[in-house]
């Protein structure tokens, strides 16, 4: 091999190395991303969990009502596994047939949390809401919710639709709160409206 061919060979190797290095750097660099500000809806439920007050918990359920109905709501509040005082009344919201939306809210009010719910027709907006109770759950502790992907509500027996759990993560001391939301269907002689009735859940 003469001196000229040796030079060409070294040059070819050099070009290959430079190409490999450049292509490697190019592959390691992520492409640019265009970011567009959002100025209109709709906003998803996951977005609302972040946008709204971090101390407020809520959950939304949709269902179809084939005929007019009343939704009776109750709850069971346990502190460290021991049931707290029983509510004397169950709030009731009545509506006509159609696509319904049920919203459950646990909102901090002072040193307690206020359990509220609302029910309305998704097409017309007709419906009502009720405050259920103020529970002795401080707003300085976190909460999580569990519920099934799909559930059924009937008229014969209460259904546990949602469970909220509040408390500091171990090993921190402090009480653990479990709030189970119970619902049942009743006949509707009211039309659209709301009222309260004696608590007959669990009987």
N, C-alpha and C. Protein backbone atom coordinates (compact mmCIF):
# COMPACT_ATOMS: atom_id res chain seq x y z
N UNK A 1 0.87 -1.18 0.00
CA UNK A 1 0.00 0.00 0.00
C UNK A 1 0.90 1.22 0.00
N UNK A 2 0.67 2.14 -0.99
CA UNK A 2 1.52 3.32 -1.06
C UNK A 2 1.00 4.42 -0.13
N UNK A 3 1.73 5.51 -0.11
CA UNK A 3 1.41 6.58 0.82
C UNK A 3 0.08 7.24 0.50
N UNK A 4 -0.27 7.36 -0.79
CA UNK A 4 -1.52 7.99 -1.20
C UNK A 4 -2.73 7.14 -0.80
N UNK A 5 -2.64 5.84 -1.01
CA UNK A 5 -3.76 4.97 -0.64
C UNK A 5 -3.93 4.91 0.87
N UNK A 6 -2.81 4.99 1.60
CA UNK A 6 -2.89 5.02 3.07
C UNK A 6 -3.62 6.28 3.53
N UNK A 7 -3.34 7.41 2.92
CA UNK A 7 -4.00 8.66 3.25
C UNK A 7 -5.50 8.59 2.99
N UNK A 8 -5.86 7.99 1.82
CA UNK A 8 -7.28 7.85 1.48
C UNK A 8 -7.99 6.93 2.47
N UNK A 9 -7.31 5.91 2.87
CA UNK A 9 -7.90 4.98 3.84
C UNK A 9 -8.15 5.66 5.18
N UNK A 10 -7.15 6.40 5.67
CA UNK A 10 -7.31 7.13 6.93
C UNK A 10 -8.40 8.19 6.82
N UNK A 11 -8.49 8.84 5.64
CA UNK A 11 -9.52 9.86 5.44
C UNK A 11 -10.92 9.25 5.47
N UNK A 12 -11.06 8.08 4.87
CA UNK A 12 -12.36 7.40 4.86
C UNK A 12 -12.78 7.00 6.27
N UNK A 13 -11.82 6.52 7.04
CA UNK A 13 -12.14 6.15 8.43
C UNK A 13 -12.55 7.39 9.22
N UNK A 14 -11.84 8.48 9.01
CA UNK A 14 -12.15 9.73 9.71
C UNK A 14 -13.56 10.21 9.37
N UNK A 15 -13.92 10.15 8.08
CA UNK A 15 -15.26 10.58 7.64
C UNK A 15 -16.33 9.71 8.28
N UNK A 16 -16.09 8.41 8.34
CA UNK A 16 -17.05 7.49 8.96
C UNK A 16 -17.24 7.78 10.45
N UNK A 17 -16.12 8.07 11.15
CA UNK A 17 -16.21 8.38 12.57
C UNK A 17 -16.99 9.66 12.81
N UNK A 18 -16.69 10.70 12.04
CA UNK A 18 -17.39 11.97 12.19
C UNK A 18 -18.88 11.80 11.89
N UNK A 19 -19.21 11.05 10.85
CA UNK A 19 -20.62 10.80 10.50
C UNK A 19 -21.33 10.06 11.62
N UNK A 20 -20.65 9.06 12.18
CA UNK A 20 -21.26 8.30 13.27
C UNK A 20 -21.51 9.17 14.50
N UNK A 21 -20.53 10.03 14.82
CA UNK A 21 -20.68 10.92 15.97
C UNK A 21 -21.82 11.90 15.76
N UNK A 22 -21.89 12.50 14.56
CA UNK A 22 -22.95 13.46 14.28
C UNK A 22 -24.32 12.81 14.27
N UNK A 23 -24.41 11.61 13.69
CA UNK A 23 -25.71 10.93 13.67
C UNK A 23 -26.12 10.52 15.07
N UNK A 24 -25.16 10.15 15.91
CA UNK A 24 -25.47 9.80 17.30
C UNK A 24 -25.99 10.99 18.07
N UNK A 25 -25.37 12.16 17.89
CA UNK A 25 -25.84 13.37 18.54
C UNK A 25 -27.22 13.77 18.05
N UNK A 26 -27.46 13.58 16.75
CA UNK A 26 -28.75 13.92 16.18
C UNK A 26 -29.84 13.04 16.77
N UNK A 27 -29.55 11.74 16.98
CA UNK A 27 -30.54 10.83 17.53
C UNK A 27 -30.83 11.13 18.99
N UNK A 28 -29.84 11.67 19.71
CA UNK A 28 -30.01 11.94 21.13
C UNK A 28 -30.82 13.19 21.37
N UNK A 29 -30.92 14.08 20.40
CA UNK A 29 -31.64 15.33 20.58
C UNK A 29 -33.13 15.12 20.30
N UNK A 30 -33.97 15.55 21.24
CA UNK A 30 -35.41 15.43 21.05
C UNK A 30 -35.91 16.51 20.09
N UNK A 31 -36.96 16.22 19.36
CA UNK A 31 -37.52 17.24 18.46
C UNK A 31 -38.16 18.36 19.25
N UNK A 32 -38.28 19.51 18.63
CA UNK A 32 -38.92 20.64 19.29
C UNK A 32 -40.43 20.41 19.37
N UNK A 33 -41.06 21.06 20.32
CA UNK A 33 -42.50 20.90 20.55
C UNK A 33 -43.15 22.27 20.50
N UNK A 34 -44.25 22.37 19.77
CA UNK A 34 -45.02 23.61 19.74
C UNK A 34 -46.05 23.58 20.85
N UNK A 35 -46.06 24.61 21.68
CA UNK A 35 -46.99 24.70 22.81
C UNK A 35 -48.02 25.77 22.51
N UNK A 36 -49.30 25.39 22.58
CA UNK A 36 -50.39 26.29 22.23
C UNK A 36 -51.21 26.59 23.47
N UNK A 37 -51.43 27.86 23.83
CA UNK A 37 -52.25 28.17 25.00
C UNK A 37 -53.70 27.76 24.76
N UNK A 38 -54.35 27.27 25.83
CA UNK A 38 -55.74 26.81 25.76
C UNK A 38 -56.65 27.94 26.21
N UNK A 39 -57.59 28.34 25.35
CA UNK A 39 -58.49 29.44 25.72
C UNK A 39 -59.96 29.07 25.58
N UNK A 40 -60.25 27.77 25.39
CA UNK A 40 -61.64 27.33 25.33
C UNK A 40 -61.74 25.88 25.77
N UNK A 41 -62.95 25.45 26.13
CA UNK A 41 -63.18 24.10 26.65
C UNK A 41 -63.31 23.09 25.54
N UNK A 42 -63.72 21.88 25.87
CA UNK A 42 -64.12 21.48 27.23
C UNK A 42 -62.92 21.09 28.10
N UNK A 43 -63.13 21.13 29.40
CA UNK A 43 -62.10 20.75 30.36
C UNK A 43 -62.47 19.39 30.95
N UNK A 44 -61.52 18.48 31.03
CA UNK A 44 -61.78 17.14 31.52
C UNK A 44 -61.80 17.06 33.04
N UNK A 45 -62.32 15.96 33.54
CA UNK A 45 -62.40 15.75 34.98
C UNK A 45 -61.00 15.72 35.60
N UNK A 46 -60.05 15.08 34.94
CA UNK A 46 -58.68 15.04 35.45
C UNK A 46 -58.09 16.44 35.55
N UNK A 47 -58.45 17.32 34.62
CA UNK A 47 -57.98 18.71 34.68
C UNK A 47 -58.56 19.42 35.90
N UNK A 48 -59.84 19.19 36.16
CA UNK A 48 -60.50 19.87 37.27
C UNK A 48 -59.93 19.45 38.61
N UNK A 49 -59.52 18.19 38.73
CA UNK A 49 -58.93 17.73 39.99
C UNK A 49 -57.68 18.54 40.33
N UNK A 50 -57.00 19.04 39.32
CA UNK A 50 -55.79 19.83 39.55
C UNK A 50 -56.12 21.31 39.66
N UNK A 51 -57.06 21.79 38.85
CA UNK A 51 -57.35 23.21 38.80
C UNK A 51 -58.10 23.72 40.03
N UNK A 52 -58.97 22.90 40.57
CA UNK A 52 -59.76 23.33 41.71
C UNK A 52 -58.96 23.23 43.00
N UNK A 53 -59.53 23.75 44.07
CA UNK A 53 -58.88 23.76 45.38
C UNK A 53 -58.38 22.37 45.73
N UNK A 54 -57.10 22.24 46.07
CA UNK A 54 -56.52 20.94 46.34
C UNK A 54 -57.12 20.30 47.58
N UNK A 55 -57.74 21.09 48.45
CA UNK A 55 -58.35 20.54 49.66
C UNK A 55 -59.76 20.04 49.40
N UNK A 56 -60.30 20.27 48.19
CA UNK A 56 -61.65 19.85 47.88
C UNK A 56 -61.63 18.57 47.06
N UNK A 57 -62.41 17.59 47.46
CA UNK A 57 -62.54 16.36 46.70
C UNK A 57 -63.92 16.34 46.03
N UNK A 58 -63.99 15.78 44.85
CA UNK A 58 -65.27 15.65 44.17
C UNK A 58 -65.21 14.46 43.22
N UNK A 59 -66.39 13.97 42.86
CA UNK A 59 -66.49 12.93 41.85
C UNK A 59 -67.80 13.11 41.11
N UNK A 60 -67.78 12.82 39.81
CA UNK A 60 -68.94 12.99 38.95
C UNK A 60 -69.35 11.63 38.40
N UNK A 61 -70.65 11.35 38.42
CA UNK A 61 -71.20 10.11 37.87
C UNK A 61 -72.31 10.46 36.88
N UNK A 62 -72.36 9.76 35.77
CA UNK A 62 -73.42 9.91 34.78
C UNK A 62 -74.25 8.64 34.70
N UNK A 63 -75.56 8.80 34.49
CA UNK A 63 -76.41 7.64 34.29
C UNK A 63 -77.65 8.07 33.51
N UNK A 64 -78.38 7.08 33.00
CA UNK A 64 -79.61 7.31 32.26
C UNK A 64 -80.79 6.85 33.10
N UNK A 65 -81.76 7.72 33.29
CA UNK A 65 -82.98 7.37 34.02
C UNK A 65 -84.10 7.13 33.01
N UNK A 66 -84.69 5.96 33.07
CA UNK A 66 -85.74 5.61 32.12
C UNK A 66 -87.10 6.17 32.53
N UNK A 67 -87.27 6.54 33.78
CA UNK A 67 -88.52 7.14 34.27
C UNK A 67 -88.19 8.07 35.42
N UNK A 68 -89.16 8.85 35.82
CA UNK A 68 -88.91 9.80 36.91
C UNK A 68 -88.54 9.04 38.19
N UNK A 69 -87.72 9.65 39.03
CA UNK A 69 -87.14 8.94 40.17
C UNK A 69 -86.74 9.94 41.24
N UNK A 70 -86.48 9.42 42.44
CA UNK A 70 -85.84 10.19 43.51
C UNK A 70 -84.58 9.45 43.92
N UNK A 71 -83.51 10.18 44.13
CA UNK A 71 -82.25 9.62 44.60
C UNK A 71 -82.08 9.97 46.07
N UNK A 72 -82.02 8.95 46.91
CA UNK A 72 -81.83 9.13 48.35
C UNK A 72 -80.35 8.91 48.64
N UNK A 73 -79.74 9.83 49.38
CA UNK A 73 -78.31 9.73 49.65
C UNK A 73 -78.06 9.69 51.15
N UNK A 74 -77.15 8.83 51.54
CA UNK A 74 -76.71 8.74 52.92
C UNK A 74 -75.22 8.51 52.98
N UNK A 75 -74.68 8.43 54.17
CA UNK A 75 -73.25 8.21 54.32
C UNK A 75 -72.99 7.49 55.64
N UNK A 76 -71.83 6.85 55.69
CA UNK A 76 -71.32 6.25 56.92
C UNK A 76 -69.94 6.83 57.14
N UNK A 77 -69.72 7.47 58.29
CA UNK A 77 -68.43 8.07 58.62
C UNK A 77 -67.79 7.26 59.74
N UNK A 78 -66.61 6.71 59.45
CA UNK A 78 -65.86 5.95 60.46
C UNK A 78 -64.55 6.65 60.75
N UNK A 79 -64.19 6.69 62.04
CA UNK A 79 -62.92 7.26 62.47
C UNK A 79 -62.11 6.14 63.10
N UNK A 80 -60.98 5.80 62.47
CA UNK A 80 -60.15 4.68 62.92
C UNK A 80 -60.97 3.40 63.09
N UNK A 81 -61.88 3.17 62.15
CA UNK A 81 -62.67 1.95 62.14
C UNK A 81 -63.91 1.97 63.01
N UNK A 82 -64.12 3.04 63.78
CA UNK A 82 -65.29 3.14 64.66
C UNK A 82 -66.31 4.10 64.04
N UNK A 83 -67.55 3.64 63.93
CA UNK A 83 -68.57 4.46 63.30
C UNK A 83 -68.88 5.69 64.13
N UNK A 84 -68.93 6.84 63.45
CA UNK A 84 -69.27 8.09 64.10
C UNK A 84 -70.79 8.17 64.27
N UNK A 85 -71.28 9.31 64.74
CA UNK A 85 -72.72 9.45 64.97
C UNK A 85 -73.50 9.30 63.67
N UNK A 86 -74.70 8.76 63.77
CA UNK A 86 -75.55 8.49 62.62
C UNK A 86 -76.39 9.72 62.29
N UNK A 87 -76.51 10.03 60.99
CA UNK A 87 -77.32 11.15 60.56
C UNK A 87 -78.80 10.83 60.77
N UNK A 88 -79.57 11.81 61.26
CA UNK A 88 -80.99 11.60 61.50
C UNK A 88 -81.81 11.63 60.21
N UNK A 89 -81.31 12.34 59.20
CA UNK A 89 -82.07 12.52 57.96
C UNK A 89 -81.24 12.12 56.75
N UNK A 90 -81.94 11.70 55.70
CA UNK A 90 -81.33 11.48 54.40
C UNK A 90 -81.83 12.55 53.43
N UNK A 91 -80.94 13.26 52.74
CA UNK A 91 -81.41 14.18 51.71
C UNK A 91 -81.87 13.41 50.47
N UNK A 92 -82.87 13.97 49.80
CA UNK A 92 -83.45 13.33 48.62
C UNK A 92 -83.55 14.37 47.51
N UNK A 93 -83.14 14.00 46.30
CA UNK A 93 -83.30 14.86 45.14
C UNK A 93 -84.07 14.07 44.08
N UNK A 94 -85.10 14.70 43.51
CA UNK A 94 -85.97 14.04 42.54
C UNK A 94 -85.83 14.70 41.17
N UNK A 95 -85.95 13.89 40.13
CA UNK A 95 -85.87 14.42 38.77
C UNK A 95 -86.68 13.53 37.84
N UNK A 96 -86.86 14.01 36.62
CA UNK A 96 -87.62 13.27 35.62
C UNK A 96 -86.66 12.41 34.80
N UNK A 97 -87.22 11.61 33.90
CA UNK A 97 -86.40 10.72 33.08
C UNK A 97 -85.46 11.51 32.18
N UNK A 98 -84.31 10.91 31.89
CA UNK A 98 -83.34 11.53 31.00
C UNK A 98 -81.92 11.28 31.44
N UNK A 99 -80.96 11.85 30.71
CA UNK A 99 -79.54 11.69 31.07
C UNK A 99 -79.19 12.51 32.29
N UNK A 100 -78.72 11.87 33.34
CA UNK A 100 -78.49 12.52 34.62
C UNK A 100 -77.01 12.63 34.95
N UNK A 101 -76.69 13.64 35.75
CA UNK A 101 -75.32 13.79 36.27
C UNK A 101 -75.40 14.01 37.78
N UNK A 102 -74.69 13.16 38.51
CA UNK A 102 -74.61 13.25 39.97
C UNK A 102 -73.21 13.72 40.34
N UNK A 103 -73.13 14.79 41.14
CA UNK A 103 -71.85 15.34 41.56
C UNK A 103 -71.77 15.27 43.08
N UNK A 104 -70.74 14.62 43.59
CA UNK A 104 -70.49 14.51 45.03
C UNK A 104 -69.28 15.36 45.37
N UNK A 105 -69.39 16.15 46.43
CA UNK A 105 -68.33 17.10 46.79
C UNK A 105 -68.05 17.01 48.27
N UNK A 106 -66.77 17.04 48.62
CA UNK A 106 -66.33 17.19 50.01
C UNK A 106 -65.50 18.48 50.05
N UNK A 107 -66.10 19.55 50.62
CA UNK A 107 -65.49 20.88 50.57
C UNK A 107 -65.05 21.32 51.97
N UNK A 108 -63.80 21.81 52.13
CA UNK A 108 -63.37 22.29 53.45
C UNK A 108 -64.12 23.55 53.86
N UNK A 109 -64.64 23.53 55.08
CA UNK A 109 -65.33 24.68 55.66
C UNK A 109 -64.82 24.82 57.09
N UNK A 110 -63.94 25.80 57.32
CA UNK A 110 -63.32 25.94 58.64
C UNK A 110 -62.47 24.72 58.95
N UNK A 111 -62.72 24.11 60.12
CA UNK A 111 -61.96 22.93 60.51
C UNK A 111 -62.72 21.63 60.21
N UNK A 112 -63.73 21.72 59.32
CA UNK A 112 -64.51 20.54 58.95
C UNK A 112 -64.56 20.40 57.43
N UNK A 113 -65.21 19.34 56.98
CA UNK A 113 -65.46 19.16 55.55
C UNK A 113 -66.95 18.98 55.33
N UNK A 114 -67.47 19.74 54.38
CA UNK A 114 -68.90 19.73 54.10
C UNK A 114 -69.19 18.78 52.94
N UNK A 115 -70.01 17.78 53.22
CA UNK A 115 -70.44 16.83 52.20
C UNK A 115 -71.66 17.39 51.50
N UNK A 116 -71.59 17.53 50.17
CA UNK A 116 -72.67 18.09 49.37
C UNK A 116 -72.87 17.21 48.14
N UNK A 117 -74.06 17.30 47.55
CA UNK A 117 -74.25 16.63 46.27
C UNK A 117 -75.29 17.39 45.45
N UNK A 118 -75.23 17.20 44.14
CA UNK A 118 -76.17 17.82 43.22
C UNK A 118 -76.50 16.82 42.14
N UNK A 119 -77.72 16.91 41.64
CA UNK A 119 -78.20 16.03 40.58
C UNK A 119 -78.92 16.88 39.56
N UNK A 120 -78.57 16.74 38.29
CA UNK A 120 -79.27 17.51 37.26
C UNK A 120 -79.30 16.75 35.95
N UNK A 121 -80.28 17.11 35.12
CA UNK A 121 -80.40 16.55 33.78
C UNK A 121 -79.30 17.14 32.91
N UNK A 122 -78.54 16.29 32.24
CA UNK A 122 -77.40 16.78 31.45
C UNK A 122 -77.84 17.60 30.24
N UNK A 123 -79.06 17.38 29.75
CA UNK A 123 -79.52 18.12 28.57
C UNK A 123 -80.17 19.44 28.94
N UNK A 124 -80.99 19.44 29.98
CA UNK A 124 -81.77 20.63 30.32
C UNK A 124 -81.19 21.41 31.49
N UNK A 125 -80.35 20.78 32.33
CA UNK A 125 -79.82 21.43 33.51
C UNK A 125 -80.77 21.42 34.69
N UNK A 126 -81.98 20.87 34.52
CA UNK A 126 -82.96 20.85 35.61
C UNK A 126 -82.51 19.88 36.69
N UNK A 127 -82.59 20.32 37.94
CA UNK A 127 -82.19 19.47 39.04
C UNK A 127 -82.08 20.27 40.32
N UNK A 128 -81.36 19.71 41.27
CA UNK A 128 -81.25 20.35 42.57
C UNK A 128 -80.01 19.83 43.28
N UNK A 129 -79.66 20.49 44.37
CA UNK A 129 -78.51 20.08 45.17
C UNK A 129 -78.82 20.20 46.65
N UNK A 130 -78.05 19.50 47.45
CA UNK A 130 -78.29 19.50 48.90
C UNK A 130 -76.95 19.47 49.64
N UNK A 131 -76.93 20.12 50.80
CA UNK A 131 -75.84 19.93 51.75
C UNK A 131 -76.22 18.76 52.65
N UNK A 132 -75.32 17.81 52.79
CA UNK A 132 -75.62 16.60 53.55
C UNK A 132 -75.22 16.77 55.01
N UNK A 133 -73.95 17.12 55.25
CA UNK A 133 -73.48 17.23 56.63
C UNK A 133 -72.10 17.87 56.66
N UNK A 134 -71.75 18.45 57.80
CA UNK A 134 -70.39 18.92 58.06
C UNK A 134 -69.70 17.87 58.94
N UNK A 135 -68.64 17.28 58.42
CA UNK A 135 -67.96 16.19 59.10
C UNK A 135 -66.67 16.69 59.74
N UNK A 136 -66.31 16.19 60.92
CA UNK A 136 -65.11 16.66 61.64
C UNK A 136 -63.83 16.09 61.04
N UNK A 137 -63.55 16.50 59.80
CA UNK A 137 -62.35 16.05 59.09
C UNK A 137 -61.55 17.30 58.73
N UNK A 138 -60.38 17.46 59.30
CA UNK A 138 -59.57 18.65 59.06
C UNK A 138 -59.10 18.74 57.62
N UNK A 139 -58.89 19.97 57.14
CA UNK A 139 -58.47 20.16 55.76
C UNK A 139 -56.96 19.98 55.58
N UNK A 140 -56.22 19.76 56.67
CA UNK A 140 -54.77 19.63 56.57
C UNK A 140 -54.34 18.20 56.26
N UNK A 141 -55.29 17.30 56.06
CA UNK A 141 -54.94 15.92 55.71
C UNK A 141 -55.46 15.61 54.32
N UNK A 142 -54.75 14.74 53.62
CA UNK A 142 -55.11 14.40 52.26
C UNK A 142 -56.23 13.38 52.19
N UNK A 143 -56.79 13.24 51.00
CA UNK A 143 -57.87 12.29 50.81
C UNK A 143 -57.74 11.59 49.47
N UNK A 144 -58.33 10.40 49.41
CA UNK A 144 -58.37 9.64 48.16
C UNK A 144 -59.74 9.01 48.03
N UNK A 145 -60.11 8.65 46.81
CA UNK A 145 -61.44 8.10 46.56
C UNK A 145 -61.32 6.77 45.83
N UNK A 146 -62.24 5.87 46.12
CA UNK A 146 -62.32 4.60 45.40
C UNK A 146 -63.77 4.39 44.99
N UNK A 147 -63.95 3.87 43.78
CA UNK A 147 -65.27 3.56 43.25
C UNK A 147 -65.10 2.61 42.07
N UNK A 148 -66.16 1.91 41.74
CA UNK A 148 -66.12 0.97 40.62
C UNK A 148 -66.30 1.71 39.31
N UNK A 149 -65.77 1.12 38.23
CA UNK A 149 -65.87 1.75 36.92
C UNK A 149 -67.33 1.88 36.50
N UNK A 150 -68.17 0.95 36.92
CA UNK A 150 -69.59 1.02 36.61
C UNK A 150 -70.35 0.36 37.75
N UNK A 151 -71.48 0.93 38.10
CA UNK A 151 -72.26 0.40 39.21
C UNK A 151 -73.73 0.51 38.87
N UNK A 152 -74.57 -0.15 39.65
CA UNK A 152 -76.01 -0.07 39.47
C UNK A 152 -76.66 0.39 40.77
N UNK A 153 -77.72 1.17 40.63
CA UNK A 153 -78.47 1.68 41.78
C UNK A 153 -79.89 1.16 41.66
N UNK A 154 -80.41 0.58 42.72
CA UNK A 154 -81.76 0.06 42.70
C UNK A 154 -82.62 0.66 43.80
N UNK A 155 -83.87 0.19 43.89
CA UNK A 155 -84.81 0.74 44.86
C UNK A 155 -84.92 -0.10 46.12
N UNK A 156 -84.41 -1.32 46.11
CA UNK A 156 -84.61 -2.18 47.25
C UNK A 156 -83.56 -2.06 48.33
N UNK A 157 -82.35 -1.62 47.96
CA UNK A 157 -81.25 -1.63 48.90
C UNK A 157 -80.25 -0.55 48.53
N UNK A 158 -79.54 -0.04 49.55
CA UNK A 158 -78.54 1.00 49.30
C UNK A 158 -77.33 0.41 48.58
N UNK A 159 -76.74 1.23 47.72
CA UNK A 159 -75.51 0.88 47.02
C UNK A 159 -74.40 1.82 47.47
N UNK A 160 -73.24 1.27 47.82
CA UNK A 160 -72.09 2.12 48.13
C UNK A 160 -71.48 2.59 46.82
N UNK A 161 -71.66 3.86 46.52
CA UNK A 161 -71.21 4.39 45.24
C UNK A 161 -69.77 4.87 45.28
N UNK A 162 -69.33 5.35 46.44
CA UNK A 162 -68.02 5.99 46.54
C UNK A 162 -67.52 5.89 47.97
N UNK A 163 -66.21 5.73 48.13
CA UNK A 163 -65.62 5.79 49.46
C UNK A 163 -64.46 6.77 49.45
N UNK A 164 -64.53 7.73 50.37
CA UNK A 164 -63.43 8.66 50.56
C UNK A 164 -62.64 8.23 51.80
N UNK A 165 -61.33 8.32 51.70
CA UNK A 165 -60.46 8.02 52.85
C UNK A 165 -59.55 9.22 53.08
N UNK A 166 -59.55 9.71 54.33
CA UNK A 166 -58.75 10.87 54.70
C UNK A 166 -57.80 10.50 55.83
N UNK A 167 -56.60 11.06 55.78
CA UNK A 167 -55.64 10.81 56.85
C UNK A 167 -54.22 11.08 56.38
N UNK A 168 -53.31 11.22 57.34
CA UNK A 168 -51.90 11.38 57.03
C UNK A 168 -51.30 10.02 56.73
N UNK A 169 -50.36 10.00 55.82
CA UNK A 169 -49.72 8.74 55.48
C UNK A 169 -48.86 8.24 56.64
N UNK A 170 -48.83 6.92 56.87
CA UNK A 170 -47.94 6.37 57.90
C UNK A 170 -46.50 6.78 57.61
N UNK A 171 -45.63 6.96 58.63
CA UNK A 171 -45.88 6.64 60.04
C UNK A 171 -46.45 7.81 60.84
N UNK A 172 -47.01 8.84 60.19
CA UNK A 172 -47.54 9.98 60.93
C UNK A 172 -48.75 9.56 61.76
N UNK A 173 -48.86 10.05 62.98
CA UNK A 173 -50.03 9.72 63.80
C UNK A 173 -51.25 10.50 63.32
N UNK A 174 -52.37 10.19 63.91
CA UNK A 174 -53.58 10.93 63.57
C UNK A 174 -54.67 9.99 63.11
N UNK A 175 -55.91 10.43 63.22
CA UNK A 175 -57.04 9.55 62.87
C UNK A 175 -57.14 9.32 61.36
N UNK A 176 -57.72 8.19 61.02
CA UNK A 176 -58.05 7.86 59.63
C UNK A 176 -59.57 7.94 59.50
N UNK A 177 -60.03 8.66 58.50
CA UNK A 177 -61.46 8.83 58.29
C UNK A 177 -61.87 8.09 57.02
N UNK A 178 -62.92 7.30 57.12
CA UNK A 178 -63.54 6.66 55.97
C UNK A 178 -64.97 7.17 55.86
N UNK A 179 -65.32 7.69 54.68
CA UNK A 179 -66.68 8.16 54.43
C UNK A 179 -67.22 7.39 53.24
N UNK A 180 -68.22 6.55 53.51
CA UNK A 180 -68.85 5.77 52.45
C UNK A 180 -70.15 6.45 52.03
N UNK A 181 -70.29 6.71 50.74
CA UNK A 181 -71.48 7.36 50.20
C UNK A 181 -72.45 6.27 49.72
N UNK A 182 -73.66 6.28 50.28
CA UNK A 182 -74.68 5.28 49.96
C UNK A 182 -75.82 5.95 49.21
N UNK A 183 -76.36 5.28 48.20
CA UNK A 183 -77.46 5.83 47.41
C UNK A 183 -78.52 4.75 47.18
N UNK A 184 -79.77 5.21 46.97
CA UNK A 184 -80.89 4.30 46.70
C UNK A 184 -81.92 5.06 45.88
N UNK A 185 -82.66 4.37 45.05
CA UNK A 185 -83.75 4.98 44.29
C UNK A 185 -85.06 4.84 45.05
N UNK A 186 -85.87 5.89 44.98
CA UNK A 186 -87.23 5.88 45.51
C UNK A 186 -88.19 6.34 44.43
N UNK A 187 -89.48 6.09 44.64
CA UNK A 187 -90.48 6.58 43.72
C UNK A 187 -90.57 8.10 43.79
N UNK A 188 -90.95 8.69 42.67
CA UNK A 188 -91.00 10.15 42.56
C UNK A 188 -92.45 10.61 42.44
N UNK A 189 -92.96 11.24 43.48
CA UNK A 189 -94.28 11.88 43.45
C UNK A 189 -94.17 13.39 43.47
N UNK A 190 -92.94 13.90 43.35
CA UNK A 190 -92.68 15.33 43.49
C UNK A 190 -92.44 16.02 42.17
N UNK A 191 -91.88 15.32 41.20
CA UNK A 191 -91.45 15.94 39.95
C UNK A 191 -89.98 16.29 40.06
N UNK A 192 -89.63 17.58 39.98
CA UNK A 192 -88.26 18.04 40.14
C UNK A 192 -88.17 18.82 41.45
N UNK A 193 -87.32 18.39 42.36
CA UNK A 193 -87.19 19.09 43.63
C UNK A 193 -86.40 18.27 44.62
N UNK A 194 -86.39 18.71 45.87
CA UNK A 194 -85.61 18.02 46.88
C UNK A 194 -86.30 18.16 48.24
N UNK A 195 -85.98 17.24 49.12
CA UNK A 195 -86.51 17.27 50.49
C UNK A 195 -85.65 16.35 51.33
N UNK A 196 -85.97 16.20 52.61
CA UNK A 196 -85.27 15.28 53.50
C UNK A 196 -86.28 14.31 54.08
N UNK A 197 -85.80 13.11 54.42
CA UNK A 197 -86.65 12.09 55.02
C UNK A 197 -85.87 11.41 56.13
N UNK A 198 -86.56 10.79 57.09
CA UNK A 198 -85.84 10.09 58.16
C UNK A 198 -84.89 9.03 57.62
N UNK A 199 -83.75 8.92 58.23
CA UNK A 199 -82.71 8.01 57.77
C UNK A 199 -83.14 6.57 58.05
N UNK A 200 -83.47 5.84 56.98
CA UNK A 200 -83.83 4.44 57.12
C UNK A 200 -82.80 3.51 56.48
N UNK A 201 -81.62 4.03 56.20
CA UNK A 201 -80.57 3.19 55.60
C UNK A 201 -80.13 2.12 56.58
N UNK A 202 -79.91 0.92 56.06
CA UNK A 202 -79.44 -0.18 56.88
C UNK A 202 -80.56 -0.88 57.64
N UNK A 203 -81.80 -0.52 57.37
CA UNK A 203 -82.94 -1.15 58.07
C UNK A 203 -83.67 -2.11 57.15
